[in-house]
Protein backbone atom coordinates (compact mmCIF):
# COMPACT_ATOMS: atom_id res chain seq x y z
CA MET A 1 0.00 0.00 0.00
CA SER A 2 1.40 3.38 -0.99
CA LEU A 3 1.94 6.07 1.61
CA ASN A 4 -0.26 8.54 -0.24
CA LYS A 5 -3.21 6.16 -0.57
CA VAL A 6 -6.47 7.98 -0.04
CA SER A 7 -8.95 7.11 2.67
CA PRO A 8 -12.18 5.45 1.48
CA VAL A 9 -14.15 7.72 3.86
CA ILE A 10 -14.81 10.20 1.03
CA GLY A 11 -16.34 7.46 -1.09
CA VAL A 12 -18.40 6.04 1.75
CA PHE A 13 -19.73 9.52 2.55
CA ALA A 14 -20.47 10.09 -1.16
CA ALA A 15 -22.39 6.79 -1.30
CA LEU A 16 -24.46 7.71 1.76
CA ALA A 17 -25.16 11.21 0.43
CA ALA A 18 -26.11 9.90 -3.03
CA PHE A 19 -28.40 7.30 -1.50
CA ALA A 20 -30.07 9.91 0.75
CA ILE A 21 -30.56 12.42 -2.08
CA ASP A 22 -32.14 9.74 -4.26
CA GLN A 23 -34.43 8.37 -1.57
CA ILE A 24 -35.62 11.79 -0.42
CA ALA A 25 -36.44 12.84 -3.99
CA LYS A 26 -38.30 9.58 -4.64
CA ALA A 27 -40.24 9.87 -1.37
CA ILE A 28 -41.47 13.29 -2.45
CA VAL A 29 -42.45 11.93 -5.86
CA VAL A 30 -44.26 8.89 -4.43
CA ALA A 31 -46.12 11.13 -1.95
CA ASN A 32 -47.32 13.19 -4.92
CA ALA A 33 -47.87 10.30 -7.34
CA ALA A 34 -51.52 11.12 -8.03
CA THR A 35 -50.64 14.65 -9.14
CA LEU A 36 -47.51 13.63 -11.04
CA SER A 37 -49.14 10.72 -12.93
CA ALA A 38 -50.50 13.17 -15.50
CA GLY A 39 -47.23 15.12 -15.46
CA ILE A 40 -46.54 18.67 -14.38
CA SER A 41 -44.86 21.04 -16.79
CA VAL A 42 -41.98 22.81 -15.05
CA PHE A 43 -40.80 24.69 -18.15
CA PRO A 44 -40.86 23.96 -21.89
CA GLY A 45 -38.85 20.79 -22.40
CA PHE A 46 -39.13 19.50 -18.84
CA ASN A 47 -41.90 17.79 -16.88
CA LEU A 48 -42.10 16.13 -13.51
CA VAL A 49 -43.87 12.79 -13.85
CA PHE A 50 -44.49 9.61 -11.89
CA TYR A 51 -43.43 6.47 -13.70
CA ARG A 52 -42.37 3.00 -12.59
CA ASN A 53 -39.71 1.35 -14.75
CA ASP A 54 -39.30 -2.41 -14.29
CA GLY A 55 -36.26 -2.50 -16.58
CA VAL A 56 -32.88 -0.84 -16.41
CA THR A 57 -31.54 2.10 -18.40
CA PHE A 58 -34.01 3.19 -21.09
CA GLY A 59 -36.28 0.31 -20.06
CA MET A 60 -33.83 -2.34 -21.32
CA LEU A 61 -34.38 -5.73 -19.69
CA GLY A 62 -37.96 -4.70 -18.92
CA GLY A 63 -39.91 -7.74 -17.79
CA ALA A 64 -36.79 -9.45 -16.40
CA PRO A 65 -37.39 -10.94 -12.94
CA TRP A 66 -37.02 -8.12 -10.42
CA TRP A 67 -34.84 -10.23 -8.15
CA SER A 68 -32.34 -10.85 -10.97
CA LEU A 69 -31.85 -7.12 -11.46
CA ILE A 70 -31.33 -6.72 -7.71
CA ALA A 71 -28.77 -9.53 -7.67
CA LEU A 72 -26.94 -8.01 -10.63
CA ALA A 73 -26.91 -4.53 -9.06
CA LEU A 74 -25.69 -5.85 -5.71
CA ALA A 75 -22.91 -7.85 -7.36
CA ILE A 76 -21.79 -4.75 -9.23
CA CYS A 77 -21.95 -2.69 -6.01
CA VAL A 78 -19.73 -5.22 -4.21
CA TRP A 79 -17.20 -5.03 -7.05
CA LEU A 80 -17.37 -1.21 -7.01
CA GLY A 81 -16.92 -1.27 -3.22
CA VAL A 82 -13.71 -3.23 -3.64
CA MET A 83 -12.58 -0.72 -6.25
CA LEU A 84 -13.46 2.15 -3.89
CA PHE A 85 -11.19 0.72 -1.21
CA ARG A 86 -8.41 0.26 -3.77
CA ALA A 87 -8.79 3.76 -5.25
CA GLU A 88 -5.62 5.78 -5.68
CA ASN A 89 -7.11 9.24 -5.25
CA ALA A 90 -10.05 11.18 -3.80
CA VAL A 91 -11.66 11.73 -7.21
CA GLU A 92 -11.93 7.98 -7.76
CA THR A 93 -13.36 7.36 -4.29
CA LEU A 94 -15.93 10.11 -4.81
CA ALA A 95 -16.89 8.64 -8.18
CA TYR A 96 -17.24 5.09 -6.86
CA GLY A 97 -19.31 6.39 -3.94
CA ALA A 98 -21.72 8.26 -6.23
CA ILE A 99 -22.19 5.18 -8.40
CA ILE A 100 -22.72 2.86 -5.43
CA GLY A 101 -25.16 5.22 -3.68
CA GLY A 102 -27.19 5.72 -6.83
CA ALA A 103 -27.27 2.02 -7.62
CA LEU A 104 -28.36 1.14 -4.07
CA GLY A 105 -31.10 3.77 -4.31
CA ASN A 106 -32.53 1.93 -7.31
CA VAL A 107 -32.08 -1.43 -5.57
CA ILE A 108 -34.26 -0.21 -2.69
CA ASP A 109 -36.97 0.75 -5.20
CA ARG A 110 -36.84 -2.72 -6.75
CA VAL A 111 -37.17 -4.34 -3.34
CA ARG A 112 -40.10 -2.10 -2.33
CA TYR A 113 -41.97 -1.70 -5.63
CA ARG A 114 -40.47 -4.31 -8.00
CA ALA A 115 -39.61 -1.35 -10.25
CA VAL A 116 -37.70 1.94 -10.12
CA THR A 117 -39.44 5.27 -9.59
CA ASP A 118 -38.59 7.67 -12.41
CA PHE A 119 -39.77 11.28 -12.47
CA LEU A 120 -37.57 13.52 -14.61
CA ASP A 121 -39.01 13.88 -18.13
CA PHE A 122 -37.07 15.93 -20.67
CA TYR A 123 -38.38 16.42 -24.19
CA ILE A 124 -38.13 18.37 -27.43
CA GLY A 125 -41.43 18.83 -29.22
CA THR A 126 -43.16 15.49 -28.91
CA THR A 127 -39.95 13.47 -28.54
CA HIS A 128 -39.31 12.49 -24.91
CA TRP A 129 -36.07 11.20 -23.44
CA PRO A 130 -36.85 8.16 -21.26
CA ALA A 131 -37.79 9.34 -17.75
CA PHE A 132 -35.07 8.95 -15.13
CA ASN A 133 -34.33 9.75 -11.47
CA MET A 134 -31.65 11.15 -9.17
CA ALA A 135 -30.00 7.73 -8.80
CA ASP A 136 -29.50 7.63 -12.56
CA ILE A 137 -27.95 11.11 -12.51
CA LEU A 138 -25.60 10.09 -9.70
CA VAL A 139 -24.54 6.87 -11.44
CA VAL A 140 -23.88 8.64 -14.74
CA SER A 141 -22.08 11.50 -12.99
CA GLY A 142 -19.97 9.01 -11.05
CA VAL A 143 -19.01 7.17 -14.24
CA GLY A 144 -18.14 10.48 -15.91
CA LEU A 145 -16.03 11.49 -12.91
CA LEU A 146 -14.34 8.10 -12.91
CA LEU A 147 -13.47 8.49 -16.59
CA ALA A 148 -12.11 11.98 -15.92
CA ALA A 149 -10.19 10.95 -12.77
CA PRO A 150 -6.83 10.26 -14.48
CA TRP A 151 -6.94 13.64 -16.22
CA ILE A 152 -7.99 15.46 -13.03
CA SER A 153 -5.28 13.71 -11.02
CA ALA A 154 -2.64 14.52 -13.62
CA ARG A 155 -3.62 18.21 -13.54
CA ARG A 156 -3.50 18.24 -9.73
CA SER A 157 0.00 16.65 -9.81
CA ILE A 158 1.24 19.29 -12.24
CA LYS A 159 0.03 22.09 -9.94
CA SER A 160 1.71 20.55 -6.87
């Protein structure tokens, strides 16, 4: 283990924060499901909706047994947890934490509802992007941060 190895605490905190953000947002949506079922226009190109997605990204694997998607997500989270503890820098631990927290937020939905609660609906004209949620944003942001981590770390090393 290198002397400048980063503590996984940042990643664990990021996972907890991501999970909390996702679950709070979904609780608000579920509490207002009757109103959101028809959709509420926030501004042109964006609606808040209430939708349950039994698949994964963009509805892929829709109709797959709910427990199989939970098992897959948990296996990936375990692998990401190992990677978090092996991370070389704070950016990586933050990224792994965001991904894990978001993924676990969707796992909780699958356990409770056998589907994921989606509520963010972006569109242009009559063409709608598939609805998504905060967990999805956190997972995608974490992946983006993970991809950028080597570049960010290199820039930080140059400044030091």
